[in-house]
C-alpha atoms as a PDB file:
ATOM      1  CA  UNK A   1      83.510  29.304-150.097  1.00  0.00           C
ATOM      2  CA  UNK A   2      86.044  32.110-149.590  1.00  0.00           C
ATOM      3  CA  UNK A   3      87.828  33.711-152.577  1.00  0.00           C
ATOM      4  CA  UNK A   4      90.507  36.358-152.032  1.00  0.00           C
ATOM      5  CA  UNK A   5      92.723  38.121-154.588  1.00  0.00           C
ATOM      6  CA  UNK A   6      96.266  39.121-153.593  1.00  0.00           C
ATOM      7  CA  UNK A   7      98.941  40.533-155.877  1.00  0.00           C
ATOM      8  CA  UNK A   8     102.159  38.910-154.718  1.00  0.00           C
ATOM      9  CA  UNK A   9     101.715  37.824-151.125  1.00  0.00           C
ATOM     10  CA  UNK A  10     100.495  34.464-149.829  1.00  0.00           C
ATOM     11  CA  UNK A  11      97.620  34.048-147.407  1.00  0.00           C
ATOM     12  CA  UNK A  12      98.564  32.486-144.103  1.00  0.00           C
ATOM     13  CA  UNK A  13      95.445  32.933-141.986  1.00  0.00           C
ATOM     14  CA  UNK A  14      91.697  32.673-142.567  1.00  0.00           C
ATOM     15  CA  UNK A  15      88.949  33.895-140.268  1.00  0.00           C
ATOM     16  CA  UNK A  16      85.270  33.004-140.401  1.00  0.00           C
ATOM     17  CA  UNK A  17      82.626  34.402-138.070  1.00  0.00           C
ATOM     18  CA  UNK A  18      79.317  32.574-138.589  1.00  0.00           C
ATOM     19  CA  UNK A  19      77.203  35.089-136.673  1.00  0.00           C
ATOM     20  CA  UNK A  20      76.052  32.634-134.001  1.00  0.00           C
ATOM     21  CA  UNK A  21      79.132  32.740-131.783  1.00  0.00           C
ATOM     22  CA  UNK A  22      81.025  30.113-133.775  1.00  0.00           C
ATOM     23  CA  UNK A  23      84.325  30.687-135.583  1.00  0.00           C
ATOM     24  CA  UNK A  24      86.543  28.784-138.031  1.00  0.00           C
ATOM     25  CA  UNK A  25      90.065  29.259-139.398  1.00  0.00           C
ATOM     26  CA  UNK A  26      90.081  27.044-142.498  1.00  0.00           C
ATOM     27  CA  UNK A  27      90.005  28.374-146.058  1.00  0.00           C
ATOM     28  CA  UNK A  28      86.722  26.644-146.886  1.00  0.00           C
ATOM     29  CA  UNK A  29      84.486  26.147-143.877  1.00  0.00           C
ATOM     30  CA  UNK A  30      81.458  24.024-143.066  1.00  0.00           C
ATOM     31  CA  UNK A  31      79.075  25.006-140.291  1.00  0.00           C
ATOM     32  CA  UNK A  32      75.843  23.623-138.821  1.00  0.00           C
ATOM     33  CA  UNK A  33      73.344  26.120-137.427  1.00  0.00           C
ATOM     34  CA  UNK A  34      71.234  24.926-134.506  1.00  0.00           C
ATOM     35  CA  UNK A  35      68.237  27.232-134.942  1.00  0.00           C
ATOM     36  CA  UNK A  36      66.380  29.134-137.638  1.00  0.00           C
ATOM     37  CA  UNK A  37      67.382  32.780-138.062  1.00  0.00           C
ATOM     38  CA  UNK A  38      69.283  35.175-140.337  1.00  0.00           C
ATOM     39  CA  UNK A  39      72.998  35.190-139.561  1.00  0.00           C
ATOM     40  CA  UNK A  40      75.612  37.817-140.619  1.00  0.00           C
ATOM     41  CA  UNK A  41      78.616  35.770-141.802  1.00  0.00           C
ATOM     42  CA  UNK A  42      82.000  37.565-141.934  1.00  0.00           C
ATOM     43  CA  UNK A  43      85.163  36.415-143.688  1.00  0.00           C
ATOM     44  CA  UNK A  44      88.676  37.886-143.710  1.00  0.00           C
ATOM     45  CA  UNK A  45      92.287  36.802-144.281  1.00  0.00           C
ATOM     46  CA  UNK A  46      95.861  37.781-143.297  1.00  0.00           C
ATOM     47  CA  UNK A  47      98.863  37.588-145.632  1.00  0.00           C
ATOM     48  CA  UNK A  48     102.347  36.338-144.842  1.00  0.00           C
ATOM     49  CA  UNK A  49     103.535  39.890-144.137  1.00  0.00           C
ATOM     50  CA  UNK A  50     100.668  40.634-141.747  1.00  0.00           C
ATOM     51  CA  UNK A  51      98.333  42.559-144.046  1.00  0.00           C
ATOM     52  CA  UNK A  52      94.651  42.328-143.108  1.00  0.00           C
ATOM     53  CA  UNK A  53      92.039  42.089-145.815  1.00  0.00           C
ATOM     54  CA  UNK A  54      88.727  43.899-145.838  1.00  0.00           C
ATOM     55  CA  UNK A  55      85.950  41.864-144.187  1.00  0.00           C
ATOM     56  CA  UNK A  56      83.464  40.326-146.576  1.00  0.00           C
ATOM     57  CA  UNK A  57      79.983  39.913-145.141  1.00  0.00           C
ATOM     58  CA  UNK A  58      76.844  38.138-146.283  1.00  0.00           C
ATOM     59  CA  UNK A  59      73.575  37.411-144.494  1.00  0.00           C
ATOM     60  CA  UNK A  60      72.701  33.728-144.469  1.00  0.00           C
ATOM     61  CA  UNK A  61      68.987  32.920-143.847  1.00  0.00           C
ATOM     62  CA  UNK A  62      68.448  29.595-142.035  1.00  0.00           C
ATOM     63  CA  UNK A  63      64.940  28.120-142.145  1.00  0.00           C
ATOM     64  CA  UNK A  64      63.344  25.309-140.214  1.00  0.00           C
ATOM     65  CA  UNK A  65      63.018  22.174-142.374  1.00  0.00           C
ATOM     66  CA  UNK A  66      59.519  21.372-143.626  1.00  0.00           C
ATOM     67  CA  UNK A  67      57.497  18.621-141.965  1.00  0.00           C
ATOM     68  CA  UNK A  68      56.141  15.920-144.272  1.00  0.00           C
ATOM     69  CA  UNK A  69      52.785  14.351-143.453  1.00  0.00           C
ATOM     70  CA  UNK A  70      49.906  12.760-145.365  1.00  0.00           C
ATOM     71  CA  UNK A  71      46.584  10.976-144.969  1.00  0.00           C
ATOM     72  CA  UNK A  72      45.357   7.867-146.818  1.00  0.00           C
ATOM     73  CA  UNK A  73      41.747   6.995-147.602  1.00  0.00           C
ATOM     74  CA  UNK A  74      40.233   3.761-146.299  1.00  0.00           C
ATOM     75  CA  UNK A  75      39.522   0.923-146.612  1.00  0.00           C
ATOM     76  CA  UNK A  76      42.653  -0.331-148.375  1.00  0.00           C
ATOM     77  CA  UNK A  77      41.512  -3.187-150.578  1.00  0.00           C
ATOM     78  CA  UNK A  78      43.203  -4.982-153.428  1.00  0.00           C
ATOM     79  CA  UNK A  79      42.790  -3.086-156.755  1.00  0.00           C
ATOM     80  CA  UNK A  80      40.840  -0.293-155.032  1.00  0.00           C
ATOM     81  CA  UNK A  81      41.970   3.263-155.824  1.00  0.00           C
ATOM     82  CA  UNK A  82      43.241   4.994-152.669  1.00  0.00           C
ATOM     83  CA  UNK A  83      43.637   8.741-152.207  1.00  0.00           C
ATOM     84  CA  UNK A  84      46.857  10.139-150.704  1.00  0.00           C
ATOM     85  CA  UNK A  85      46.349  13.656-149.352  1.00  0.00           C
ATOM     86  CA  UNK A  86      49.313  15.886-148.523  1.00  0.00           C
ATOM     87  CA  UNK A  87      49.279  17.466-145.055  1.00  0.00           C
ATOM     88  CA  UNK A  88      52.865  18.759-145.015  1.00  0.00           C
ATOM     89  CA  UNK A  89      53.808  22.134-143.515  1.00  0.00           C
ATOM     90  CA  UNK A  90      56.625  24.663-143.766  1.00  0.00           C
ATOM     91  CA  UNK A  91      56.475  26.850-140.666  1.00  0.00           C
ATOM     92  CA  UNK A  92      59.156  29.318-141.755  1.00  0.00           C
ATOM     93  CA  UNK A  93      61.106  30.298-144.818  1.00  0.00           C
ATOM     94  CA  UNK A  94      60.313  29.442-148.443  1.00  0.00           C
ATOM     95  CA  UNK A  95      57.272  27.293-149.332  1.00  0.00           C
ATOM     96  CA  UNK A  96      57.284  23.615-150.235  1.00  0.00           C
ATOM     97  CA  UNK A  97      57.860  23.160-153.973  1.00  0.00           C
ATOM     98  CA  UNK A  98      58.629  19.451-154.349  1.00  0.00           C
ATOM     99  CA  UNK A  99      56.795  16.325-153.197  1.00  0.00           C
ATOM    100  CA  UNK A 100      58.284  12.832-153.662  1.00  0.00           C
ATOM    101  CA  UNK A 101      55.832   9.955-153.132  1.00  0.00           C
ATOM    102  CA  UNK A 102      56.840   6.316-152.666  1.00  0.00           C
ATOM    103  CA  UNK A 103      53.892   3.906-152.449  1.00  0.00           C
ATOM    104  CA  UNK A 104      56.057   1.024-151.223  1.00  0.00           C
ATOM    105  CA  UNK A 105      55.007  -1.605-153.755  1.00  0.00           C
ATOM    106  CA  UNK A 106      57.839  -1.266-156.262  1.00  0.00           C
ATOM    107  CA  UNK A 107      55.978   1.189-158.494  1.00  0.00           C
ATOM    108  CA  UNK A 108      57.943   4.242-159.766  1.00  0.00           C
ATOM    109  CA  UNK A 109      58.364   7.217-157.476  1.00  0.00           C
ATOM    110  CA  UNK A 110      55.944  10.069-158.128  1.00  0.00           C
ATOM    111  CA  UNK A 111      57.656  13.479-158.057  1.00  0.00           C
ATOM    112  CA  UNK A 112      55.294  16.432-158.049  1.00  0.00           C
ATOM    113  CA  UNK A 113      55.761  20.208-158.003  1.00  0.00           C
ATOM    114  CA  UNK A 114      52.439  20.763-156.242  1.00  0.00           C
ATOM    115  CA  UNK A 115      50.611  19.301-153.279  1.00  0.00           C
ATOM    116  CA  UNK A 116      47.742  17.847-155.284  1.00  0.00           C
ATOM    117  CA  UNK A 117      46.105  14.648-154.076  1.00  0.00           C
ATOM    118  CA  UNK A 118      47.647  11.452-155.450  1.00  0.00           C
ATOM    119  CA  UNK A 119      45.789   8.257-156.403  1.00  0.00           C
ATOM    120  CA  UNK A 120      47.217   4.741-156.275  1.00  0.00           C
ATOM    121  CA  UNK A 121      45.948   1.160-156.207  1.00  0.00           C
ATOM    122  CA  UNK A 122      47.714  -1.968-154.945  1.00  0.00           C
ATOM    123  CA  UNK A 123      47.407  -5.078-157.083  1.00  0.00           C
ATOM    124  CA  UNK A 124      48.520  -7.463-154.328  1.00  0.00           C
ATOM    125  CA  UNK A 125      47.281  -7.861-150.771  1.00  0.00           C
ATOM    126  CA  UNK A 126      49.672  -7.453-147.845  1.00  0.00           C
ATOM    127  CA  UNK A 127      51.599  -4.740-146.000  1.00  0.00           C
ATOM    128  CA  UNK A 128      53.157  -1.805-147.879  1.00  0.00           C
ATOM    129  CA  UNK A 129      55.053   1.171-146.449  1.00  0.00           C
ATOM    130  CA  UNK A 130      54.110   4.392-148.231  1.00  0.00           C
ATOM    131  CA  UNK A 131      56.264   7.474-147.676  1.00  0.00           C
ATOM    132  CA  UNK A 132      56.500  11.161-148.530  1.00  0.00           C
ATOM    133  CA  UNK A 133      59.519  13.486-148.705  1.00  0.00           C
ATOM    134  CA  UNK A 134      59.029  17.220-149.262  1.00  0.00           C
ATOM    135  CA  UNK A 135      61.474  19.984-150.170  1.00  0.00           C
ATOM    136  CA  UNK A 136      61.257  23.786-150.041  1.00  0.00           C
ATOM    137  CA  UNK A 137      62.271  26.297-152.692  1.00  0.00           C
ATOM    138  CA  UNK A 138      65.570  26.841-150.844  1.00  0.00           C
ATOM    139  CA  UNK A 139      66.417  23.114-150.942  1.00  0.00           C
ATOM    140  CA  UNK A 140      65.555  22.239-147.328  1.00  0.00           C
ATOM    141  CA  UNK A 141      64.301  18.654-147.135  1.00  0.00           C
ATOM    142  CA  UNK A 142      61.988  17.093-144.565  1.00  0.00           C
ATOM    143  CA  UNK A 143      62.465  13.869-142.728  1.00  0.00           C
ATOM    144  CA  UNK A 144      60.724  10.953-144.400  1.00  0.00           C
ATOM    145  CA  UNK A 145      57.078  10.531-143.341  1.00  0.00           C
ATOM    146  CA  UNK A 146      55.947   6.891-143.571  1.00  0.00           C
ATOM    147  CA  UNK A 147      52.754   4.930-143.006  1.00  0.00           C
ATOM    148  CA  UNK A 148      52.127   1.204-143.201  1.00  0.00           C
ATOM    149  CA  UNK A 149      49.182   0.344-145.423  1.00  0.00           C
ATOM    150  CA  UNK A 150      47.723  -3.127-145.007  1.00  0.00           C
ATOM    151  CA  UNK A 151      45.952  -4.037-148.232  1.00  0.00           C
ATOM    152  CA  UNK A 152      43.171  -6.557-147.832  1.00  0.00           C
ATOM    153  CA  UNK A 153      42.402  -9.202-150.416  1.00  0.00           C
ATOM    154  CA  UNK A 154      39.270  -8.641-152.489  1.00  0.00           C
ATOM    155  CA  UNK A 155      36.457 -11.053-151.528  1.00  0.00           C
ATOM    156  CA  UNK A 156      34.632 -13.158-154.103  1.00  0.00           C
ATOM    157  CA  UNK A 157      30.915 -12.996-153.280  1.00  0.00           C
ATOM    158  CA  UNK A 158      28.791 -16.047-154.026  1.00  0.00           C
ATOM    159  CA  UNK A 159      25.789 -17.917-152.600  1.00  0.00           C
ATOM    160  CA  UNK A 160      23.569 -20.877-153.322  1.00  0.00           C
ATOM    161  CA  UNK A 161      20.083 -20.094-154.616  1.00  0.00           C
ATOM    162  CA  UNK A 162      17.375 -22.261-153.003  1.00  0.00           C
ATOM    163  CA  UNK A 163      14.561 -23.989-154.873  1.00  0.00           C
ATOM    164  CA  UNK A 164      11.561 -22.335-153.248  1.00  0.00           C
ATOM    165  CA  UNK A 165       7.832 -22.965-153.297  1.00  0.00           C
ATOM    166  CA  UNK A 166       5.179 -20.593-152.028  1.00  0.00           C
ATOM    167  CA  UNK A 167       4.082 -23.102-149.397  1.00  0.00           C
ATOM    168  CA  UNK A 168       7.588 -23.497-147.984  1.00  0.00           C
ATOM    169  CA  UNK A 169       7.953 -22.054-144.478  1.00  0.00           C
ATOM    170  CA  UNK A 170      10.967 -20.061-145.707  1.00  0.00           C
ATOM    171  CA  UNK A 171      13.734 -19.973-148.332  1.00  0.00           C
ATOM    172  CA  UNK A 172      17.263 -20.660-147.087  1.00  0.00           C
ATOM    173  CA  UNK A 173      20.224 -18.848-148.624  1.00  0.00           C
ATOM    174  CA  UNK A 174      23.683 -20.379-148.117  1.00  0.00           C
ATOM    175  CA  UNK A 175      26.690 -18.081-148.420  1.00  0.00           C
ATOM    176  CA  UNK A 176      29.720 -19.504-150.254  1.00  0.00           C
ATOM    177  CA  UNK A 177      31.831 -16.336-150.504  1.00  0.00           C
ATOM    178  CA  UNK A 178      35.613 -16.656-150.243  1.00  0.00           C
ATOM    179  CA  UNK A 179      38.795 -14.607-149.984  1.00  0.00           C
ATOM    180  CA  UNK A 180      42.373 -15.558-150.828  1.00  0.00           C
ATOM    181  CA  UNK A 181      43.812 -14.654-147.412  1.00  0.00           C
ATOM    182  CA  UNK A 182      41.375 -16.943-145.575  1.00  0.00           C
ATOM    183  CA  UNK A 183      39.733 -14.211-143.479  1.00  0.00           C
ATOM    184  CA  UNK A 184      36.136 -15.220-144.215  1.00  0.00           C
ATOM    185  CA  UNK A 185      35.433 -15.057-140.466  1.00  0.00           C
ATOM    186  CA  UNK A 186      35.758 -11.255-140.695  1.00  0.00           C
ATOM    187  CA  UNK A 187      33.100 -10.846-143.373  1.00  0.00           C
ATOM    188  CA  UNK A 188      30.150  -8.537-142.770  1.00  0.00           C
ATOM    189  CA  UNK A 189      27.039  -9.536-144.713  1.00  0.00           C
ATOM    190  CA  UNK A 190      24.284  -7.458-146.278  1.00  0.00           C
ATOM    191  CA  UNK A 191      21.437  -9.285-148.013  1.00  0.00           C
ATOM    192  CA  UNK A 192      18.560  -7.872-150.029  1.00  0.00           C
ATOM    193  CA  UNK A 193      15.907 -10.467-150.903  1.00  0.00           C
ATOM    194  CA  UNK A 194      14.332  -8.344-153.644  1.00  0.00           C
ATOM    195  CA  UNK A 195      10.961  -8.508-151.869  1.00  0.00           C
ATOM    196  CA  UNK A 196       9.948  -4.874-151.323  1.00  0.00           C
ATOM    197  CA  UNK A 197       6.548  -5.938-149.944  1.00  0.00           C
ATOM    198  CA  UNK A 198       8.288  -7.582-146.989  1.00  0.00           C
ATOM    199  CA  UNK A 199       9.269  -4.228-145.462  1.00  0.00           C
ATOM    200  CA  UNK A 200      11.967  -4.502-142.820  1.00  0.00           C
ATOM    201  CA  UNK A 201      12.309  -8.259-143.254  1.00  0.00           C
ATOM    202  CA  UNK A 202      13.486  -7.784-146.853  1.00  0.00           C
ATOM    203  CA  UNK A 203      17.122  -7.482-145.659  1.00  0.00           C
ATOM    204  CA  UNK A 204      19.440  -9.445-143.395  1.00  0.00           C
ATOM    205  CA  UNK A 205      22.994  -9.267-142.018  1.00  0.00           C
ATOM    206  CA  UNK A 206      23.277 -13.000-141.249  1.00  0.00           C
ATOM    207  CA  UNK A 207      25.742 -15.247-143.046  1.00  0.00           C
ATOM    208  CA  UNK A 208      23.097 -17.798-144.046  1.00  0.00           C
ATOM    209  CA  UNK A 209      19.726 -16.053-143.775  1.00  0.00           C
ATOM    210  CA  UNK A 210      16.180 -17.223-144.359  1.00  0.00           C
ATOM    211  CA  UNK A 211      13.303 -15.349-145.955  1.00  0.00           C
ATOM    212  CA  UNK A 212       9.587 -16.058-146.433  1.00  0.00           C
ATOM    213  CA  UNK A 213       8.140 -15.103-149.826  1.00  0.00           C
ATOM    214  CA  UNK A 214       4.360 -14.545-149.789  1.00  0.00           C
ATOM    215  CA  UNK A 215       3.818 -14.190-153.541  1.00  0.00           C
ATOM    216  CA  UNK A 216       4.954 -16.133-156.557  1.00  0.00           C
ATOM    217  CA  UNK A 217       7.369 -14.505-158.978  1.00  0.00           C
ATOM    218  CA  UNK A 218      11.035 -13.948-159.720  1.00  0.00           C
ATOM    219  CA  UNK A 219      13.070 -12.000-157.154  1.00  0.00           C
ATOM    220  CA  UNK A 220      16.485 -10.396-157.584  1.00  0.00           C
ATOM    221  CA  UNK A 221      18.522 -11.348-154.523  1.00  0.00           C
ATOM    222  CA  UNK A 222      21.808  -9.558-153.803  1.00  0.00           C
ATOM    223  CA  UNK A 223      24.569 -10.216-151.298  1.00  0.00           C
ATOM    224  CA  UNK A 224      27.370  -7.789-150.515  1.00  0.00           C
END
């Protein structure tokens, strides 16, 4: 913004030199620099009787914009707390001083003045687009960095407990676990039959496993 004081004459001509080979002749100019650098900007005027003003000069530092980036912990499951880790960079100029997080699920934006890790959980399954915008101390803003986060439904684990006798050839366990999005075919199973004396056969990764108990007693069976 150019401001010039004259006593009684009117200004008829304005001259801007932006220091990168570009010029302008308007009173208030706008200019876009194509590369980061420090530019000597010069401004002068001419009155209606041909008087030249002194040349005002200021150095304008132009920085590269910061680059927003972040990483998200996995797996993304319904109601599971996820960690959002900032990986943004500012290669030149002032440092990043503002981080604006949008988790894409309608929750309020999180505006931070540091790059500390953020935590967030999604209450509904489905696809969400999380994004991060960063800004430097000089006001330079990054482009928006976005990632799609597919939140899986939380499975409900359940199984049928068999009525077992010591003489039975084995005990059969029937899985009845479910999930609201119908992706039971993607389940991975881990069974522990609570029978430490069985060694390696005390566990199974089958959907409906069988196990032979060799001693009477009560056993704590778990499925995950």
